[in-house]
């Protein structure tokens, strides 16, 4: 029983370490031919939005809003993929050799 709790504690520490590493990693998404660039970290937090000045057209705010939404969604999607990959790697290191979790979405 103590061995099981030790393994659970070790897994929690490894997951926390993976989360900390993900927070240091980032992905960048460009939309509109580079008019809007959004950067997000591996824990799916937007860390930066850059807007090309030529994208700021007072009479067409809808276009800029759409570009920002598209950029944020793309960056968060890429960040989620980064996190999923890291978690798969982490989960795989804790499983017995040959065990495949792909059928469970992991």
N, C-alpha and C. Protein backbone atom coordinates (compact mmCIF):
# COMPACT_ATOMS: atom_id res chain seq x y z
N UNK A 1 0.83 -1.19 0.00
CA UNK A 1 0.00 0.00 0.00
C UNK A 1 0.88 1.26 0.00
N UNK A 2 1.92 1.26 0.83
CA UNK A 2 2.82 2.41 0.89
C UNK A 2 3.52 2.59 -0.46
N UNK A 3 3.83 1.47 -1.11
CA UNK A 3 4.47 1.55 -2.42
C UNK A 3 3.54 2.22 -3.44
N UNK A 4 2.25 1.89 -3.37
CA UNK A 4 1.28 2.49 -4.28
C UNK A 4 1.19 4.00 -4.05
N UNK A 5 1.14 4.42 -2.80
CA UNK A 5 1.08 5.85 -2.49
C UNK A 5 2.36 6.56 -2.92
N UNK A 6 3.47 5.88 -2.82
CA UNK A 6 4.74 6.44 -3.27
C UNK A 6 4.74 6.66 -4.78
N UNK A 7 4.17 5.69 -5.52
CA UNK A 7 4.08 5.83 -6.97
C UNK A 7 3.13 6.95 -7.35
N UNK A 8 2.03 7.08 -6.64
CA UNK A 8 1.08 8.16 -6.91
C UNK A 8 1.74 9.52 -6.66
N UNK A 9 2.46 9.62 -5.57
CA UNK A 9 3.17 10.85 -5.25
C UNK A 9 4.20 11.17 -6.32
N UNK A 10 4.91 10.16 -6.79
CA UNK A 10 5.92 10.35 -7.84
C UNK A 10 5.25 10.82 -9.13
N UNK A 11 4.10 10.22 -9.48
CA UNK A 11 3.37 10.62 -10.67
C UNK A 11 2.92 12.09 -10.57
N UNK A 12 2.44 12.48 -9.42
CA UNK A 12 2.00 13.86 -9.22
C UNK A 12 3.17 14.83 -9.40
N UNK A 13 4.31 14.47 -8.86
CA UNK A 13 5.48 15.33 -9.01
C UNK A 13 5.91 15.43 -10.47
N UNK A 14 5.86 14.31 -11.18
CA UNK A 14 6.23 14.32 -12.59
C UNK A 14 5.25 15.16 -13.40
N UNK A 15 3.96 15.08 -13.09
CA UNK A 15 2.96 15.88 -13.79
C UNK A 15 3.16 17.37 -13.51
N UNK A 16 3.47 17.71 -12.27
CA UNK A 16 3.74 19.10 -11.93
C UNK A 16 4.97 19.61 -12.68
N UNK A 17 5.98 18.78 -12.79
CA UNK A 17 7.19 19.15 -13.52
C UNK A 17 6.87 19.34 -15.00
N UNK A 18 6.05 18.45 -15.56
CA UNK A 18 5.65 18.58 -16.96
C UNK A 18 4.88 19.88 -17.18
N UNK A 19 3.96 20.21 -16.26
CA UNK A 19 3.20 21.47 -16.36
C UNK A 19 4.14 22.67 -16.30
N UNK A 20 5.11 22.63 -15.41
CA UNK A 20 6.06 23.74 -15.30
C UNK A 20 6.88 23.88 -16.59
N UNK A 21 7.26 22.76 -17.19
CA UNK A 21 8.00 22.80 -18.45
C UNK A 21 7.12 23.34 -19.58
N UNK A 22 5.85 22.94 -19.59
CA UNK A 22 4.93 23.43 -20.62
C UNK A 22 4.74 24.94 -20.51
N UNK A 23 4.73 25.46 -19.29
CA UNK A 23 4.55 26.90 -19.10
C UNK A 23 5.71 27.69 -19.72
N UNK A 24 6.87 27.05 -19.86
CA UNK A 24 8.04 27.72 -20.43
C UNK A 24 8.09 27.61 -21.95
N UNK A 25 7.30 26.70 -22.52
CA UNK A 25 7.30 26.51 -23.96
C UNK A 25 6.22 27.39 -24.59
N UNK A 26 6.41 27.74 -25.86
CA UNK A 26 5.41 28.57 -26.51
C UNK A 26 5.21 28.16 -27.96
N UNK A 27 4.06 28.54 -28.48
CA UNK A 27 3.73 28.36 -29.89
C UNK A 27 3.27 29.71 -30.42
N UNK A 28 3.48 29.94 -31.70
CA UNK A 28 3.08 31.20 -32.32
C UNK A 28 2.24 30.90 -33.54
N UNK A 29 1.11 31.59 -33.66
CA UNK A 29 0.23 31.45 -34.81
C UNK A 29 0.11 32.78 -35.52
N UNK A 30 0.24 32.73 -36.84
CA UNK A 30 0.07 33.93 -37.66
C UNK A 30 -1.18 33.75 -38.51
N UNK A 31 -1.98 34.79 -38.60
CA UNK A 31 -3.16 34.77 -39.45
C UNK A 31 -3.20 36.02 -40.29
N UNK A 32 -3.98 35.96 -41.37
CA UNK A 32 -4.08 37.13 -42.24
C UNK A 32 -2.78 37.47 -42.91
N UNK A 33 -2.01 36.46 -43.25
CA UNK A 33 -0.73 36.72 -43.89
C UNK A 33 0.25 37.43 -42.99
N UNK A 34 0.12 37.20 -41.69
CA UNK A 34 1.05 37.81 -40.73
C UNK A 34 0.54 39.13 -40.16
N UNK A 35 -0.70 39.51 -40.48
CA UNK A 35 -1.24 40.76 -39.93
C UNK A 35 -1.43 40.67 -38.42
N UNK A 36 -1.77 39.47 -37.94
CA UNK A 36 -1.94 39.24 -36.50
C UNK A 36 -1.11 38.01 -36.13
N UNK A 37 -0.31 38.17 -35.08
CA UNK A 37 0.52 37.08 -34.56
C UNK A 37 0.19 36.90 -33.09
N UNK A 38 -0.16 35.67 -32.73
CA UNK A 38 -0.54 35.36 -31.35
C UNK A 38 0.40 34.29 -30.81
N UNK A 39 0.93 34.52 -29.63
CA UNK A 39 1.79 33.55 -28.96
C UNK A 39 1.09 33.06 -27.70
N UNK A 40 1.13 31.74 -27.50
CA UNK A 40 0.55 31.13 -26.30
C UNK A 40 1.57 30.15 -25.73
N UNK A 41 1.47 29.91 -24.42
CA UNK A 41 2.39 28.95 -23.82
C UNK A 41 1.75 27.57 -23.77
N UNK A 42 2.50 26.59 -23.30
CA UNK A 42 2.06 25.21 -23.28
C UNK A 42 0.94 24.91 -22.31
N UNK A 43 0.62 25.85 -21.43
CA UNK A 43 -0.53 25.66 -20.54
C UNK A 43 -1.72 26.48 -21.04
N UNK A 44 -1.68 26.81 -22.33
CA UNK A 44 -2.77 27.42 -23.05
C UNK A 44 -3.17 28.80 -22.52
N UNK A 45 -2.16 29.62 -22.30
CA UNK A 45 -2.36 31.02 -21.91
C UNK A 45 -1.76 31.89 -23.00
N UNK A 46 -2.54 32.85 -23.48
CA UNK A 46 -2.02 33.77 -24.49
C UNK A 46 -1.01 34.68 -23.80
N UNK A 47 0.18 34.76 -24.37
CA UNK A 47 1.24 35.58 -23.77
C UNK A 47 1.55 36.82 -24.58
N UNK A 48 1.09 36.85 -25.85
CA UNK A 48 1.42 38.00 -26.68
C UNK A 48 0.48 38.05 -27.89
N UNK A 49 0.08 39.26 -28.26
CA UNK A 49 -0.64 39.49 -29.50
C UNK A 49 0.03 40.67 -30.18
N UNK A 50 0.45 40.46 -31.42
CA UNK A 50 1.06 41.54 -32.19
C UNK A 50 0.18 41.81 -33.40
N UNK A 51 -0.08 43.08 -33.66
CA UNK A 51 -0.94 43.48 -34.77
C UNK A 51 -0.15 44.40 -35.69
N UNK A 52 -0.07 44.02 -36.95
CA UNK A 52 0.59 44.86 -37.95
C UNK A 52 -0.23 46.15 -38.09
N UNK A 53 0.40 47.29 -38.05
CA UNK A 53 -0.32 48.56 -38.14
C UNK A 53 -1.22 48.67 -39.37
N UNK A 54 -0.87 47.98 -40.45
CA UNK A 54 -1.71 48.05 -41.65
C UNK A 54 -3.04 47.34 -41.46
N UNK A 55 -3.15 46.51 -40.41
CA UNK A 55 -4.41 45.81 -40.13
C UNK A 55 -5.40 46.69 -39.38
N UNK A 56 -4.94 47.84 -38.91
CA UNK A 56 -5.80 48.73 -38.14
C UNK A 56 -6.46 49.72 -39.09
N UNK A 57 -7.66 49.35 -39.49
CA UNK A 57 -8.45 50.18 -40.40
C UNK A 57 -9.73 50.57 -39.64
N UNK A 58 -9.84 51.84 -39.25
CA UNK A 58 -10.98 52.26 -38.42
C UNK A 58 -12.35 51.89 -39.00
N UNK A 59 -12.48 51.89 -40.31
CA UNK A 59 -13.78 51.58 -40.92
C UNK A 59 -14.05 50.09 -41.04
N UNK A 60 -13.07 49.27 -40.68
CA UNK A 60 -13.23 47.81 -40.81
C UNK A 60 -12.74 47.10 -39.55
N UNK A 61 -13.30 47.48 -38.42
CA UNK A 61 -12.92 46.85 -37.15
C UNK A 61 -13.29 45.37 -37.13
N UNK A 62 -14.35 44.99 -37.85
CA UNK A 62 -14.77 43.59 -37.87
C UNK A 62 -13.67 42.67 -38.39
N UNK A 63 -12.96 43.11 -39.42
CA UNK A 63 -11.89 42.29 -39.98
C UNK A 63 -10.80 42.05 -38.93
N UNK A 64 -10.38 43.10 -38.24
CA UNK A 64 -9.34 42.95 -37.22
C UNK A 64 -9.81 42.06 -36.09
N UNK A 65 -11.04 42.24 -35.66
CA UNK A 65 -11.59 41.38 -34.60
C UNK A 65 -11.58 39.91 -35.03
N UNK A 66 -11.99 39.65 -36.28
CA UNK A 66 -11.99 38.27 -36.79
C UNK A 66 -10.57 37.69 -36.84
N UNK A 67 -9.60 38.51 -37.25
CA UNK A 67 -8.22 38.05 -37.29
C UNK A 67 -7.71 37.72 -35.89
N UNK A 68 -8.04 38.55 -34.92
CA UNK A 68 -7.60 38.30 -33.54
C UNK A 68 -8.21 37.00 -33.02
N UNK A 69 -9.50 36.82 -33.24
CA UNK A 69 -10.16 35.59 -32.79
C UNK A 69 -9.53 34.37 -33.45
N UNK A 70 -9.31 34.45 -34.76
CA UNK A 70 -8.70 33.33 -35.49
C UNK A 70 -7.30 33.04 -34.97
N UNK A 71 -6.52 34.09 -34.72
CA UNK A 71 -5.16 33.91 -34.23
C UNK A 71 -5.12 33.29 -32.84
N UNK A 72 -6.00 33.76 -31.97
CA UNK A 72 -6.06 33.22 -30.60
C UNK A 72 -6.48 31.75 -30.66
N UNK A 73 -7.51 31.46 -31.44
CA UNK A 73 -7.96 30.06 -31.53
C UNK A 73 -6.87 29.15 -32.08
N UNK A 74 -6.16 29.60 -33.10
CA UNK A 74 -5.07 28.79 -33.68
C UNK A 74 -3.94 28.58 -32.68
N UNK A 75 -3.56 29.64 -31.99
CA UNK A 75 -2.47 29.52 -31.00
C UNK A 75 -2.87 28.58 -29.87
N UNK A 76 -4.11 28.70 -29.39
CA UNK A 76 -4.55 27.82 -28.30
C UNK A 76 -4.67 26.37 -28.76
N UNK A 77 -5.08 26.17 -30.00
CA UNK A 77 -5.14 24.82 -30.57
C UNK A 77 -3.74 24.21 -30.64
N UNK A 78 -2.79 25.00 -31.11
CA UNK A 78 -1.40 24.51 -31.18
C UNK A 78 -0.83 24.25 -29.79
N UNK A 79 -1.17 25.11 -28.83
CA UNK A 79 -0.70 24.92 -27.45
C UNK A 79 -1.31 23.67 -26.85
N UNK A 80 -2.57 23.40 -27.16
CA UNK A 80 -3.22 22.18 -26.66
C UNK A 80 -2.53 20.94 -27.23
N UNK A 81 -2.15 21.01 -28.50
CA UNK A 81 -1.42 19.89 -29.11
C UNK A 81 -0.07 19.67 -28.44
N UNK A 82 0.60 20.77 -28.12
CA UNK A 82 1.88 20.68 -27.42
C UNK A 82 1.69 20.02 -26.05
N UNK A 83 0.65 20.43 -25.34
CA UNK A 83 0.38 19.87 -24.01
C UNK A 83 0.00 18.40 -24.12
N UNK A 84 -0.82 18.06 -25.11
CA UNK A 84 -1.24 16.67 -25.27
C UNK A 84 -0.03 15.78 -25.55
N UNK A 85 0.85 16.25 -26.40
CA UNK A 85 2.06 15.49 -26.71
C UNK A 85 2.91 15.27 -25.47
N UNK A 86 3.09 16.32 -24.67
CA UNK A 86 3.89 16.21 -23.44
C UNK A 86 3.24 15.25 -22.45
N UNK A 87 1.92 15.32 -22.34
CA UNK A 87 1.22 14.43 -21.39
C UNK A 87 1.26 12.98 -21.87
N UNK A 88 1.17 12.77 -23.19
CA UNK A 88 1.28 11.41 -23.71
C UNK A 88 2.65 10.83 -23.39
N UNK A 89 3.66 11.66 -23.59
CA UNK A 89 5.02 11.22 -23.31
C UNK A 89 5.16 10.88 -21.82
N UNK A 90 4.61 11.75 -20.97
CA UNK A 90 4.68 11.54 -19.53
C UNK A 90 3.92 10.29 -19.13
N UNK A 91 2.71 10.11 -19.65
CA UNK A 91 1.91 8.93 -19.31
C UNK A 91 2.60 7.67 -19.80
N UNK A 92 3.19 7.74 -20.99
CA UNK A 92 3.88 6.57 -21.54
C UNK A 92 5.05 6.13 -20.70
N UNK A 93 5.72 7.08 -20.04
CA UNK A 93 6.87 6.72 -19.23
C UNK A 93 6.46 6.05 -17.92
N UNK A 94 5.17 6.15 -17.58
CA UNK A 94 4.69 5.55 -16.32
C UNK A 94 4.02 4.20 -16.54
N UNK A 95 3.82 3.82 -17.81
CA UNK A 95 3.11 2.59 -18.11
C UNK A 95 4.07 1.44 -18.34
N UNK A 96 3.56 0.23 -18.16
CA UNK A 96 4.39 -0.94 -18.48
C UNK A 96 4.72 -0.93 -19.97
N UNK A 97 5.87 -1.46 -20.34
CA UNK A 97 6.26 -1.49 -21.75
C UNK A 97 5.20 -2.18 -22.60
N UNK A 98 4.92 -1.61 -23.76
CA UNK A 98 3.97 -2.20 -24.69
C UNK A 98 2.52 -1.79 -24.48
N UNK A 99 2.22 -1.12 -23.38
CA UNK A 99 0.84 -0.71 -23.14
C UNK A 99 0.54 0.52 -23.98
N UNK A 100 -0.55 0.46 -24.76
CA UNK A 100 -0.91 1.53 -25.69
C UNK A 100 -2.20 2.20 -25.24
N UNK A 101 -2.14 3.52 -25.00
CA UNK A 101 -3.34 4.24 -24.58
C UNK A 101 -3.98 5.01 -25.72
N UNK A 102 -3.53 4.81 -26.95
CA UNK A 102 -4.05 5.59 -28.07
C UNK A 102 -5.54 5.37 -28.28
N UNK A 103 -6.05 4.19 -27.95
CA UNK A 103 -7.48 3.95 -28.12
C UNK A 103 -8.31 4.71 -27.11
N UNK A 104 -7.67 5.25 -26.08
CA UNK A 104 -8.36 6.03 -25.07
C UNK A 104 -8.20 7.53 -25.29
N UNK A 105 -7.64 7.90 -26.43
CA UNK A 105 -7.45 9.32 -26.73
C UNK A 105 -6.20 9.92 -26.09
N UNK A 106 -5.32 9.09 -25.58
CA UNK A 106 -4.09 9.58 -24.95
C UNK A 106 -2.88 9.25 -25.80
